[in-house]
Protein backbone atom coordinates (compact mmCIF):
# COMPACT_ATOMS: atom_id res chain seq x y z
CA MET A 1 -0.01 -0.03 -0.04
CA SER A 2 2.93 2.33 -0.50
CA LEU A 3 0.89 4.52 -2.87
CA LEU A 4 -1.67 5.11 -0.12
CA LYS A 5 0.79 6.61 2.31
CA LYS A 6 0.31 10.02 0.85
CA MET A 7 -3.28 9.68 -0.11
CA ASN A 8 -5.38 12.03 -2.26
CA LEU A 9 -9.15 11.78 -1.41
CA SER A 10 -12.60 13.07 -2.10
CA GLY A 11 -15.56 12.48 0.18
CA ASN A 12 -18.26 13.99 2.33
CA SER A 13 -19.20 14.26 5.99
CA GLN A 14 -22.17 12.52 7.42
CA GLY A 15 -22.32 13.25 11.14
CA PRO A 16 -19.74 11.44 13.26
CA ALA A 17 -18.70 9.10 10.38
CA ARG A 18 -17.10 10.38 7.17
CA PHE A 19 -16.47 8.36 4.02
CA GLY A 20 -14.78 9.08 0.72
CA ILE A 21 -12.48 7.90 -2.09
CA CYS A 22 -8.86 8.31 -2.93
CA LYS A 23 -6.31 6.80 -5.28
CA GLY A 24 -5.66 3.07 -5.01
CA ASP A 25 -2.39 1.19 -4.33
CA GLU A 26 -1.68 0.54 -8.01
CA PRO A 27 -2.88 1.73 -11.44
CA GLY A 28 -6.47 0.96 -12.20
CA HIS A 29 -7.50 0.76 -8.53
CA LEU A 30 -9.47 3.22 -6.44
CA GLY A 31 -9.12 3.76 -2.71
CA ILE A 32 -11.98 4.08 -0.25
CA TRP A 33 -11.76 5.43 3.26
CA GLY A 34 -13.84 5.79 6.39
CA VAL A 35 -13.17 7.79 9.54
CA TRP A 36 -15.17 7.80 12.85
CA LYS A 37 -14.68 8.06 16.55
CA ASP A 38 -17.53 5.87 17.70
CA THR A 39 -15.91 2.53 18.49
CA SER A 40 -19.24 0.67 17.93
CA THR A 41 -19.37 1.59 14.19
CA GLU A 42 -18.77 -1.27 11.74
CA VAL A 43 -18.59 -1.05 7.95
CA PHE A 44 -19.50 -4.26 6.11
CA ARG A 45 -19.60 -3.38 2.40
CA VAL A 46 -19.31 -0.71 -0.21
CA VAL A 47 -21.26 -0.78 -3.48
CA VAL A 48 -20.05 1.21 -6.44
CA LYS A 49 -22.75 2.46 -8.85
CA ALA A 50 -22.10 4.32 -12.11
CA ASN A 51 -24.72 6.58 -13.72
CA SER A 52 -24.73 8.59 -16.91
CA GLN A 53 -27.63 9.60 -19.18
CA VAL A 54 -25.40 9.97 -22.22
CA SER A 55 -23.11 6.88 -22.14
CA SER A 56 -23.77 3.73 -24.11
CA ILE A 57 -21.74 1.71 -21.53
CA LYS A 58 -23.91 0.07 -18.92
CA VAL A 59 -21.94 -0.64 -15.71
CA ALA A 60 -23.30 -3.27 -13.26
CA ASP A 61 -23.16 -2.33 -9.62
CA ALA A 62 -19.92 -3.58 -8.04
CA SER A 63 -20.07 -4.97 -4.50
CA TYR A 64 -16.99 -5.12 -2.21
CA THR A 65 -17.58 -6.84 1.15
CA PHE A 66 -15.18 -6.45 4.06
CA ALA A 67 -14.62 -9.75 5.74
CA PRO A 68 -14.33 -9.25 8.58
CA ALA A 69 -16.02 -5.85 8.87
CA LYS A 70 -14.01 -2.61 9.35
CA ASP A 71 -14.41 -1.59 12.95
CA HIS A 72 -12.04 1.37 12.98
CA SER A 73 -10.96 4.14 10.62
CA PHE A 74 -9.49 2.75 7.45
CA VAL A 75 -8.15 3.27 3.87
CA GLN A 76 -8.68 0.30 1.50
CA SER A 77 -7.73 -0.11 -2.11
CA ILE A 78 -10.32 -1.77 -4.37
CA GLU A 79 -9.95 -3.36 -7.78
CA THR A 80 -12.15 -1.55 -10.25
CA SER A 81 -14.00 -3.56 -12.96
CA GLN A 82 -13.07 -3.38 -16.58
CA GLU A 83 -16.58 -1.99 -17.29
CA LEU A 84 -16.03 0.89 -14.85
CA LYS A 85 -12.65 1.65 -16.33
CA GLN A 86 -14.14 1.84 -19.79
CA PHE A 87 -16.93 3.96 -18.44
CA LEU A 88 -14.49 6.42 -16.91
CA VAL A 89 -11.52 6.64 -19.22
CA GLY A 90 -12.21 4.31 -22.23
CA SER A 91 -12.50 5.37 -25.89
CA ASP A 92 -16.24 5.43 -25.55
CA ARG A 93 -16.21 6.85 -21.97
CA ALA A 94 -19.04 8.78 -20.38
CA ARG A 95 -18.77 12.58 -20.86
CA SER A 96 -20.97 13.37 -17.83
CA GLY A 97 -22.52 11.54 -14.92
CA GLN A 98 -21.63 10.51 -11.40
CA ILE A 99 -20.36 7.58 -9.33
CA THR A 100 -22.02 6.66 -6.05
CA PHE A 101 -20.22 4.78 -3.31
CA GLU A 102 -22.73 3.27 -0.89
CA PHE A 103 -21.30 2.18 2.41
CA PHE A 104 -23.27 -0.50 4.38
CA LEU A 105 -22.95 0.00 8.13
CA ASP A 106 -24.27 -1.81 11.22
CA ASN A 107 -27.90 -1.37 12.30
CA GLN A 108 -29.01 -1.47 8.64
CA LYS A 109 -27.59 2.05 8.06
CA THR A 110 -26.11 3.19 4.74
CA ILE A 111 -24.11 6.23 3.78
CA ALA A 112 -23.79 7.28 0.16
CA VAL A 113 -20.98 9.33 -1.29
CA THR A 114 -21.82 10.62 -4.81
CA LEU A 115 -19.12 12.24 -6.90
CA PRO A 116 -18.94 13.64 -10.42
CA LEU A 117 -17.00 11.59 -12.95
CA ALA A 118 -14.17 14.08 -13.11
CA GLU A 119 -13.52 13.75 -9.39
CA VAL A 120 -13.47 9.92 -9.60
CA ILE A 121 -11.18 10.01 -12.65
CA LYS A 122 -8.85 12.35 -10.81
CA ASN A 123 -8.51 9.76 -7.99
CA LEU A 124 -8.21 6.84 -10.48
CA ARG A 125 -5.22 8.74 -11.87
CA GLY A 126 -3.70 9.45 -8.44
CA LYS A 127 -4.66 13.09 -7.97
CA GLY A 128 -6.59 14.94 -5.28
CA SER A 129 -6.31 16.14 -1.65
CA LYS A 130 -4.79 14.36 1.32
CA THR A 131 -6.42 11.48 3.17
CA PRO A 132 -7.48 11.89 6.88
CA SER A 133 -4.43 11.28 9.06
CA GLN A 134 -6.45 9.10 11.43
CA ALA A 135 -7.25 6.51 8.70
CA THR A 136 -5.27 3.25 9.01
CA ILE A 137 -3.99 1.87 5.74
CA SER A 138 -5.18 -1.73 4.97
CA GLU A 139 -2.59 -3.91 3.17
CA GLY A 140 -3.38 -5.30 -0.26
CA TYR A 141 -6.51 -4.57 -2.30
CA LEU A 142 -10.12 -5.81 -2.16
CA ALA A 143 -11.42 -7.78 -5.17
CA GLN A 144 -15.02 -7.47 -6.34
CA ASP A 145 -17.42 -9.87 -4.54
CA THR A 146 -18.39 -13.17 -6.10
CA SER A 147 -22.04 -13.53 -6.86
CA ALA A 148 -22.54 -15.64 -3.70
CA ILE A 149 -21.05 -12.97 -1.44
CA ALA A 150 -22.71 -10.09 -3.24
CA SER A 151 -26.09 -11.78 -2.68
CA ILE A 152 -25.75 -11.77 1.13
CA PRO A 153 -28.41 -9.20 2.28
CA HIS A 154 -27.46 -6.21 4.50
CA SER A 155 -29.20 -7.87 7.46
CA ASP A 156 -26.94 -10.87 7.26
CA LEU A 157 -23.60 -9.04 6.81
CA LYS A 158 -22.98 -8.90 10.58
CA ALA A 159 -23.30 -12.69 10.91
CA HIS A 160 -21.07 -13.18 7.82
CA SER A 161 -18.39 -10.88 9.37
CA GLU A 162 -18.44 -12.84 12.63
CA LYS A 163 -18.20 -16.15 10.80
CA VAL A 164 -15.16 -14.96 8.92
CA LYS A 165 -13.65 -13.63 12.17
CA THR A 166 -14.10 -17.08 13.69
CA GLU A 167 -12.53 -18.78 10.64
CA ILE A 168 -9.55 -16.42 10.78
CA ALA A 169 -9.11 -16.99 14.50
CA GLU A 170 -9.29 -20.76 13.92
CA LYS A 171 -6.64 -20.58 11.15
CA ILE A 172 -4.38 -18.51 13.43
CA ARG A 173 -4.86 -20.97 16.21
CA LYS A 174 -4.05 -23.97 13.98
CA ALA A 175 -1.08 -22.12 12.50
CA GLU A 176 0.26 -21.39 16.02
CA GLU A 177 -0.26 -25.09 16.99
CA GLU A 178 1.58 -26.18 13.88
CA ARG A 179 4.37 -23.71 14.61
CA LYS A 180 4.68 -25.07 18.10
CA ARG A 181 4.60 -28.67 16.87
CA LEU A 182 7.36 -28.01 14.34
CA GLU A 183 9.35 -26.21 16.97
CA GLU A 184 9.06 -29.17 19.31
CA GLU A 185 9.99 -31.54 16.47
CA LYS A 186 12.99 -29.37 15.73
CA LYS A 187 14.02 -29.36 19.38
CA ALA A 188 13.57 -33.13 19.57
CA ALA A 189 15.58 -33.68 16.40
CA LEU A 190 18.32 -31.42 17.71
CA ALA A 191 18.40 -33.29 21.02
CA LYS A 192 18.54 -36.62 19.14
CA ALA A 193 21.34 -35.35 16.90
CA GLN A 194 23.30 -34.11 19.90
CA ALA A 195 22.85 -37.43 21.67
CA GLU A 196 23.92 -39.35 18.58
CA ALA A 197 26.93 -37.06 18.16
CA ALA A 198 27.82 -37.64 21.80
CA ALA A 199 27.45 -41.40 21.37
CA LYS A 200 29.56 -41.29 18.21
CA ALA A 201 32.21 -39.24 19.97
CA ALA A 202 32.34 -41.83 22.75
CA LYS A 203 32.78 -44.81 20.39
CA PRO A 204 36.45 -44.12 19.56
CA ALA A 205 37.23 -44.05 23.25
CA ALA A 206 35.36 -47.28 23.80
CA ALA A 207 36.99 -48.85 20.77
CA ALA A 208 40.41 -47.73 21.91
CA ALA A 209 39.75 -49.29 25.33
CA ALA A 210 38.54 -52.43 23.72
CA SER A 211 41.50 -52.63 21.29
CA ALA A 212 43.89 -52.15 24.18
CA ALA A 213 42.81 -55.57 25.56
CA PRO A 214 44.39 -58.52 23.63
CA VAL A 215 41.94 -60.42 21.36
CA ASP A 216 42.52 -64.05 20.75
CA ARG A 217 41.64 -64.47 17.05
CA THR A 218 42.40 -68.18 17.22
CA LYS A 219 39.13 -68.74 19.16
CA PRO A 220 35.87 -68.78 17.24
CA THR A 221 32.95 -66.47 18.07
CA LEU A 222 30.46 -68.79 16.48
CA THR A 223 29.22 -72.15 17.67
CA PRO A 224 29.36 -75.14 15.29
CA ALA A 225 26.61 -75.28 12.68
CA LYS A 226 25.79 -76.71 9.28
CA THR A 227 25.67 -73.76 6.85
CA ALA A 228 26.82 -70.20 6.86
CA ILE A 229 27.24 -67.38 4.35
CA PHE A 230 30.32 -65.17 4.85
CA PHE A 231 30.78 -62.13 2.64
CA GLY A 232 32.89 -58.96 2.22
CA SER A 233 31.05 -55.91 0.90
CA SER A 234 32.25 -52.32 0.32
CA THR A 235 29.24 -50.81 -1.36
CA GLY A 236 26.39 -53.07 -0.06
CA ASN A 237 25.83 -54.94 -3.36
CA THR A 238 27.45 -58.16 -2.15
CA ALA A 239 25.60 -57.90 1.17
CA ASN A 240 22.33 -57.65 -0.75
CA ILE A 241 23.07 -60.84 -2.79
CA ALA A 242 24.00 -62.65 0.45
CA GLU A 243 20.59 -61.70 1.88
CA MET A 244 18.85 -62.91 -1.25
CA LEU A 245 20.71 -66.27 -1.07
CA LYS A 246 19.85 -66.71 2.57
CA LYS A 247 16.16 -66.15 1.83
CA GLU A 248 16.24 -68.65 -1.14
CA LEU A 249 18.25 -71.32 0.71
CA GLY A 250 16.22 -71.14 3.92
CA SER A 251 18.50 -73.44 5.92
CA VAL A 252 21.29 -70.94 6.74
CA ASP A 253 22.53 -70.74 10.36
CA TYR A 254 24.73 -67.68 9.95
CA LEU A 255 24.83 -64.66 7.61
CA LYS A 256 28.01 -62.74 8.48
CA ASN A 257 30.01 -59.84 7.17
CA ILE A 258 33.64 -60.98 7.61
CA THR A 259 34.35 -57.79 9.56
CA ASP A 260 32.20 -59.25 12.34
CA ILE A 261 34.00 -62.61 12.70
CA HIS A 262 37.39 -64.15 13.50
CA PRO A 263 39.04 -66.05 10.63
CA VAL A 264 38.66 -69.33 12.55
CA ASP A 265 34.86 -68.86 12.45
CA LEU A 266 35.04 -69.97 8.85
CA THR A 267 35.87 -73.52 10.07
CA VAL A 268 32.99 -74.06 12.47
CA VAL A 269 30.40 -74.89 9.79
CA GLU A 270 30.11 -77.84 7.44
CA ASN A 271 28.94 -75.86 4.40
CA ILE A 272 30.88 -72.60 3.78
CA ILE A 273 29.37 -70.12 1.27
CA ILE A 274 31.64 -67.18 0.59
CA GLY A 275 30.82 -64.02 -1.28
CA VAL A 276 33.27 -61.50 -2.78
CA PRO A 277 33.20 -58.59 -5.27
CA THR A 278 36.18 -58.01 -7.57
CA TRP A 279 37.56 -54.52 -7.46
CA HIS A 280 39.39 -52.58 -10.13
CA ILE A 281 41.74 -54.85 -12.18
CA GLY A 282 41.08 -58.20 -10.64
CA GLU A 283 41.71 -57.09 -7.01
CA LEU A 284 40.20 -58.83 -3.96
CA GLN A 285 37.77 -56.83 -1.82
CA ASP A 286 39.64 -54.99 1.01
CA ASP A 287 38.20 -56.92 4.03
CA TRP A 288 38.86 -60.30 2.39
CA ALA A 289 42.35 -59.17 1.37
CA ALA A 290 43.14 -58.25 5.00
CA MET A 291 41.93 -61.61 6.32
CA LEU A 292 43.40 -63.82 3.55
CA PRO A 293 46.83 -64.47 5.22
CA GLU A 294 45.05 -65.90 8.31
CA VAL A 295 42.62 -67.95 6.14
CA LYS A 296 45.61 -69.56 4.41
CA ALA A 297 46.69 -70.97 7.80
CA LEU A 298 43.35 -72.71 8.48
CA THR A 299 42.27 -76.29 7.73
CA PHE A 300 38.97 -77.07 5.98
CA ALA A 301 39.24 -80.81 5.66
CA GLY A 302 35.73 -82.37 5.29
CA LYS A 303 34.06 -79.06 4.47
CA LYS A 304 32.21 -78.05 1.39
CA VAL A 305 32.66 -74.58 -0.08
CA ALA A 306 30.62 -72.57 -2.54
CA VAL A 307 31.52 -69.11 -3.81
CA PHE A 308 29.67 -66.27 -5.41
CA GLY A 309 31.18 -63.17 -6.83
CA LEU A 310 30.24 -59.74 -8.27
CA GLY A 311 32.02 -58.08 -11.20
CA ASP A 312 31.72 -55.58 -13.97
CA GLY A 313 31.84 -57.37 -17.37
CA LYS A 314 32.11 -54.16 -19.39
CA GLY A 315 34.29 -52.08 -17.23
CA TYR A 316 36.81 -54.88 -16.44
CA ALA A 317 36.19 -57.47 -19.10
CA ASP A 318 39.71 -58.88 -19.02
CA THR A 319 39.78 -59.54 -15.26
CA TYR A 320 36.15 -60.49 -14.77
CA VAL A 321 35.45 -61.76 -11.19
CA ASP A 322 39.12 -62.77 -10.78
CA GLY A 323 38.70 -62.19 -7.07
CA MET A 324 36.64 -65.37 -6.78
CA ALA A 325 39.59 -67.48 -7.77
CA GLU A 326 42.00 -65.71 -5.33
CA LEU A 327 39.59 -66.14 -2.43
CA LEU A 328 38.66 -69.72 -3.18
CA GLU A 329 42.28 -70.95 -3.35
CA PRO A 330 43.11 -71.17 0.38
CA PHE A 331 39.78 -72.94 1.12
CA GLU A 332 40.53 -75.72 -1.48
CA LYS A 333 44.18 -75.97 -0.36
CA GLY A 334 42.97 -76.31 3.19
CA GLY A 335 40.88 -79.38 2.15
CA ALA A 336 37.45 -77.97 1.26
CA LYS A 337 35.52 -79.46 -1.64
CA LEU A 338 34.14 -76.94 -4.18
CA VAL A 339 30.50 -77.16 -5.20
CA GLY A 340 28.27 -74.81 -7.23
CA LEU A 341 30.08 -74.47 -10.57
CA TRP A 342 27.94 -72.13 -12.75
CA PRO A 343 27.53 -71.78 -16.55
CA THR A 344 29.16 -68.87 -18.34
CA ASP A 345 26.29 -68.65 -20.86
CA GLY A 346 24.70 -65.20 -21.09
CA TYR A 347 27.53 -63.25 -19.56
CA ASP A 348 29.42 -60.53 -21.47
CA PHE A 349 33.17 -60.54 -20.72
CA LYS A 350 36.56 -61.45 -22.29
CA LYS A 351 38.69 -63.16 -19.68
CA SER A 352 38.38 -64.54 -16.13
CA LYS A 353 40.55 -66.55 -13.74
CA ALA A 354 37.36 -67.75 -12.10
CA ILE A 355 36.61 -70.45 -14.74
CA ARG A 356 37.17 -74.13 -14.37
CA ASP A 357 36.13 -76.81 -16.87
CA GLY A 358 34.27 -74.15 -18.90
CA LYS A 359 32.21 -72.95 -15.97
CA PHE A 360 32.47 -70.24 -13.37
CA LEU A 361 33.77 -71.33 -9.94
CA GLY A 362 30.36 -70.29 -8.63
CA LEU A 363 27.49 -67.81 -9.05
CA VAL A 364 28.44 -64.62 -10.84
CA ILE A 365 26.31 -61.46 -10.53
CA ASP A 366 26.82 -58.36 -12.70
CA VAL A 367 24.61 -55.57 -11.16
CA GLU A 368 26.34 -52.98 -13.31
CA ASN A 369 25.28 -54.41 -16.65
CA GLN A 370 22.86 -57.32 -16.12
CA ASP A 371 20.96 -56.54 -12.98
CA ASN A 372 17.72 -57.61 -14.63
CA LEU A 373 19.03 -61.22 -14.48
CA THR A 374 20.13 -61.08 -10.84
CA ASP A 375 16.94 -62.48 -9.28
CA LYS A 376 16.76 -65.33 -11.73
CA ARG A 377 20.45 -66.30 -11.28
CA VAL A 378 20.30 -66.15 -7.54
CA LYS A 379 17.26 -68.44 -7.45
CA GLY A 380 18.83 -70.87 -10.03
CA TRP A 381 22.12 -71.16 -8.10
CA ALA A 382 20.40 -71.49 -4.72
CA SER A 383 18.33 -74.38 -6.03
CA GLN A 384 21.48 -76.03 -7.41
CA ILE A 385 23.59 -75.77 -4.30
CA GLN A 386 20.73 -76.88 -2.05
CA LYS A 387 21.19 -80.34 -3.55
CA GLU A 388 25.02 -80.21 -3.63
CA LEU A 389 25.20 -79.12 0.01
CA GLY A 390 22.51 -81.52 1.18
CA LEU A 391 20.18 -78.81 2.51
């Protein structure tokens, strides 16, 4: 409402209450104002009526309802209709006539302010005298009533105003409740984050204390069982395949990331299923690579071993799943019997150390290039090794 701060106005005095017009807050708008001292006065609506005996343009009465009602002195910008603009300043504008602004007050009272066209045009163009200093500027502008609002009779405008007041109060109440709720959530989230940060900060100290005590890695942490899946996973892909295999096989006693076991745990089960991704140019996954020297010292006589591996047939076609062969070697040298050879049909690669007798050493999964075949391959291999492992 910056344009209303130095308002030009026209109007008349009707007893204790005065009403008039002024320029609006933007081009094409008019301003209306009301000033009174009686605190019981309320203004519910203004109706704009155009009249000229010589104009061919017929302008329908335009109703503007305050919701809620104005209960103190005010200045309000209103959006004028296209018809009224044409009537006032259009190419076929009226050359004479008047505009009446009829204000609907409480107790069924009305006050009419009738002005000649020239005076209204002057205000439409932002010219005129100053607005009363006691009038409070209302933000924004008032659009013309919808037909439903315009049809509310004068006698019901008080009830309409009270209804709108109640709705506004309810919106404010709900907005305040939502603000408080979000604030509480924010506080709770902050407290949780602080607690987690404190716990995280405490972990290194706890880990340091734990690492200070000697750990006997020659003693297993697992009790003897029939079947276990052991895997190393850097990105989570190998862990996902291990989960899928466990679900398909059903009879799996342990599903373990090798970071959570001692090397000797590999020897406590009859059926050893190992999973490994091949990294870069045929390299073993980091966790398996760190454990491998200790695995080479173990004995696996009487055990069965099956291996599954992940690789990228297009990115590393010449060293495809080579890590499977490197990982399997100490298990077979330690006495384990390999099961689960898998056909190479359908795979796209050039060379691999993980092939024996024309087949892969075990299940091969290529999530980078053939992820659409993963589910089928997992189910097929699981069905195969169930028989070979006696599950």
